[in-house]
Amino acid sequence: MTTYVLWWQLYDVVEIWGVYSSVEEAKNHIPDDDVKDYECKGFHIEEFELDD
């Protein structure tokens, strides 16, 4: 199963915003002002493969 973790980082502060089943679903949870350049605003979406 593949999951996508949405997280935000500013220097040494990291916040996990959620775990989602698709990249699109994760992007829907980024504030509207930051979606276009979300990586420049400190948001990251990382893919993880989980064992079933």
N, C-alpha and C. Protein backbone atom coordinates (compact mmCIF):
# COMPACT_ATOMS: atom_id res chain seq x y z
N MET A 1 0.85 -1.17 0.00
CA MET A 1 0.00 0.00 0.00
C MET A 1 0.90 1.23 0.00
N THR A 2 0.59 2.19 -0.85
CA THR A 2 1.35 3.43 -0.93
C THR A 2 0.60 4.53 -0.20
N THR A 3 1.32 5.27 0.64
CA THR A 3 0.74 6.41 1.34
C THR A 3 1.61 7.63 1.08
N TYR A 4 1.01 8.79 1.28
CA TYR A 4 1.70 10.05 1.07
C TYR A 4 1.58 10.89 2.33
N VAL A 5 2.72 11.32 2.85
CA VAL A 5 2.75 12.10 4.08
C VAL A 5 2.98 13.56 3.70
N LEU A 6 2.07 14.41 4.16
CA LEU A 6 2.20 15.85 3.98
C LEU A 6 2.82 16.42 5.24
N TRP A 7 3.97 17.09 5.07
CA TRP A 7 4.62 17.69 6.22
C TRP A 7 5.15 19.06 5.86
N TRP A 8 5.34 19.87 6.90
CA TRP A 8 5.79 21.25 6.76
C TRP A 8 7.01 21.45 7.63
N GLN A 9 8.01 22.17 7.13
CA GLN A 9 9.22 22.41 7.89
C GLN A 9 9.67 23.85 7.75
N LEU A 10 10.03 24.44 8.89
CA LEU A 10 10.66 25.76 8.92
C LEU A 10 11.84 25.64 9.87
N TYR A 11 13.03 25.63 9.29
CA TYR A 11 14.27 25.42 10.02
C TYR A 11 14.21 24.10 10.78
N ASP A 12 14.22 24.12 12.12
CA ASP A 12 14.23 22.86 12.86
C ASP A 12 12.85 22.48 13.39
N VAL A 13 11.81 23.15 12.95
CA VAL A 13 10.43 22.83 13.34
C VAL A 13 9.78 22.03 12.22
N VAL A 14 9.27 20.84 12.54
CA VAL A 14 8.61 19.99 11.56
C VAL A 14 7.23 19.62 12.08
N GLU A 15 6.22 19.75 11.23
CA GLU A 15 4.85 19.38 11.58
C GLU A 15 4.32 18.40 10.54
N ILE A 16 3.80 17.27 11.01
CA ILE A 16 3.13 16.31 10.13
C ILE A 16 1.69 16.78 9.98
N TRP A 17 1.26 17.04 8.76
CA TRP A 17 -0.09 17.55 8.51
C TRP A 17 -1.08 16.45 8.19
N GLY A 18 -0.58 15.27 7.78
CA GLY A 18 -1.51 14.18 7.50
C GLY A 18 -0.90 13.10 6.64
N VAL A 19 -1.60 11.97 6.60
CA VAL A 19 -1.23 10.83 5.77
C VAL A 19 -2.40 10.56 4.84
N TYR A 20 -2.12 10.48 3.53
CA TYR A 20 -3.17 10.41 2.52
C TYR A 20 -2.90 9.28 1.54
N SER A 21 -3.92 8.91 0.78
CA SER A 21 -3.81 7.82 -0.17
C SER A 21 -3.38 8.27 -1.56
N SER A 22 -3.33 9.58 -1.80
CA SER A 22 -2.88 10.08 -3.11
C SER A 22 -2.22 11.44 -2.94
N VAL A 23 -1.39 11.79 -3.92
CA VAL A 23 -0.74 13.10 -3.91
C VAL A 23 -1.77 14.21 -4.02
N GLU A 24 -2.78 14.00 -4.87
CA GLU A 24 -3.82 15.02 -5.05
C GLU A 24 -4.56 15.30 -3.75
N GLU A 25 -4.86 14.24 -3.01
CA GLU A 25 -5.55 14.41 -1.73
C GLU A 25 -4.68 15.20 -0.75
N ALA A 26 -3.39 14.91 -0.73
CA ALA A 26 -2.46 15.64 0.14
C ALA A 26 -2.40 17.11 -0.26
N LYS A 27 -2.32 17.38 -1.57
CA LYS A 27 -2.26 18.77 -2.03
C LYS A 27 -3.53 19.54 -1.68
N ASN A 28 -4.67 18.85 -1.59
CA ASN A 28 -5.93 19.51 -1.22
C ASN A 28 -5.90 20.04 0.21
N HIS A 29 -4.99 19.58 1.04
CA HIS A 29 -4.90 20.01 2.43
C HIS A 29 -3.85 21.09 2.66
N ILE A 30 -3.20 21.54 1.58
CA ILE A 30 -2.27 22.67 1.66
C ILE A 30 -3.09 23.95 1.53
N PRO A 31 -2.83 24.96 2.37
CA PRO A 31 -3.58 26.22 2.25
C PRO A 31 -3.54 26.77 0.81
N ASP A 32 -4.67 27.32 0.36
CA ASP A 32 -4.82 27.77 -1.03
C ASP A 32 -3.71 28.70 -1.50
N ASP A 33 -3.23 29.57 -0.65
CA ASP A 33 -2.19 30.52 -1.05
C ASP A 33 -0.85 29.84 -1.33
N ASP A 34 -0.67 28.63 -0.81
CA ASP A 34 0.63 27.97 -0.90
C ASP A 34 0.68 26.80 -1.87
N VAL A 35 -0.44 26.43 -2.49
CA VAL A 35 -0.48 25.21 -3.31
C VAL A 35 0.45 25.30 -4.52
N LYS A 36 0.47 26.41 -5.21
CA LYS A 36 1.25 26.52 -6.44
C LYS A 36 2.75 26.29 -6.20
N ASP A 37 3.30 26.92 -5.20
CA ASP A 37 4.73 26.80 -4.88
C ASP A 37 4.91 26.17 -3.50
N TYR A 38 4.20 25.06 -3.27
CA TYR A 38 4.17 24.49 -1.92
C TYR A 38 5.54 24.11 -1.38
N GLU A 39 6.44 23.65 -2.24
CA GLU A 39 7.77 23.27 -1.75
C GLU A 39 8.57 24.49 -1.31
N CYS A 40 8.38 25.61 -1.97
CA CYS A 40 9.06 26.84 -1.58
C CYS A 40 8.50 27.39 -0.27
N LYS A 41 7.29 27.02 0.06
CA LYS A 41 6.64 27.50 1.29
C LYS A 41 6.89 26.56 2.47
N GLY A 42 7.70 25.52 2.27
CA GLY A 42 8.05 24.63 3.37
C GLY A 42 7.25 23.34 3.44
N PHE A 43 6.32 23.14 2.51
CA PHE A 43 5.51 21.92 2.50
C PHE A 43 6.21 20.85 1.67
N HIS A 44 6.05 19.60 2.09
CA HIS A 44 6.64 18.48 1.38
C HIS A 44 5.64 17.32 1.39
N ILE A 45 5.62 16.57 0.30
CA ILE A 45 4.81 15.36 0.22
C ILE A 45 5.77 14.23 -0.10
N GLU A 46 5.80 13.26 0.79
CA GLU A 46 6.72 12.14 0.62
C GLU A 46 5.94 10.83 0.51
N GLU A 47 6.37 10.00 -0.41
CA GLU A 47 5.71 8.72 -0.66
C GLU A 47 6.35 7.63 0.18
N PHE A 48 5.50 6.81 0.79
CA PHE A 48 5.96 5.66 1.59
C PHE A 48 5.21 4.42 1.15
N GLU A 49 5.93 3.32 1.05
CA GLU A 49 5.33 2.03 0.73
C GLU A 49 5.20 1.25 2.04
N LEU A 50 3.95 0.89 2.39
CA LEU A 50 3.69 0.15 3.61
C LEU A 50 3.46 -1.32 3.29
N ASP A 51 3.92 -2.17 4.16
CA ASP A 51 3.68 -3.60 4.01
C ASP A 51 2.23 -3.90 4.38
N ASP A 52 1.59 -4.75 3.61
CA ASP A 52 0.19 -5.12 3.90
C ASP A 52 0.11 -6.13 5.01
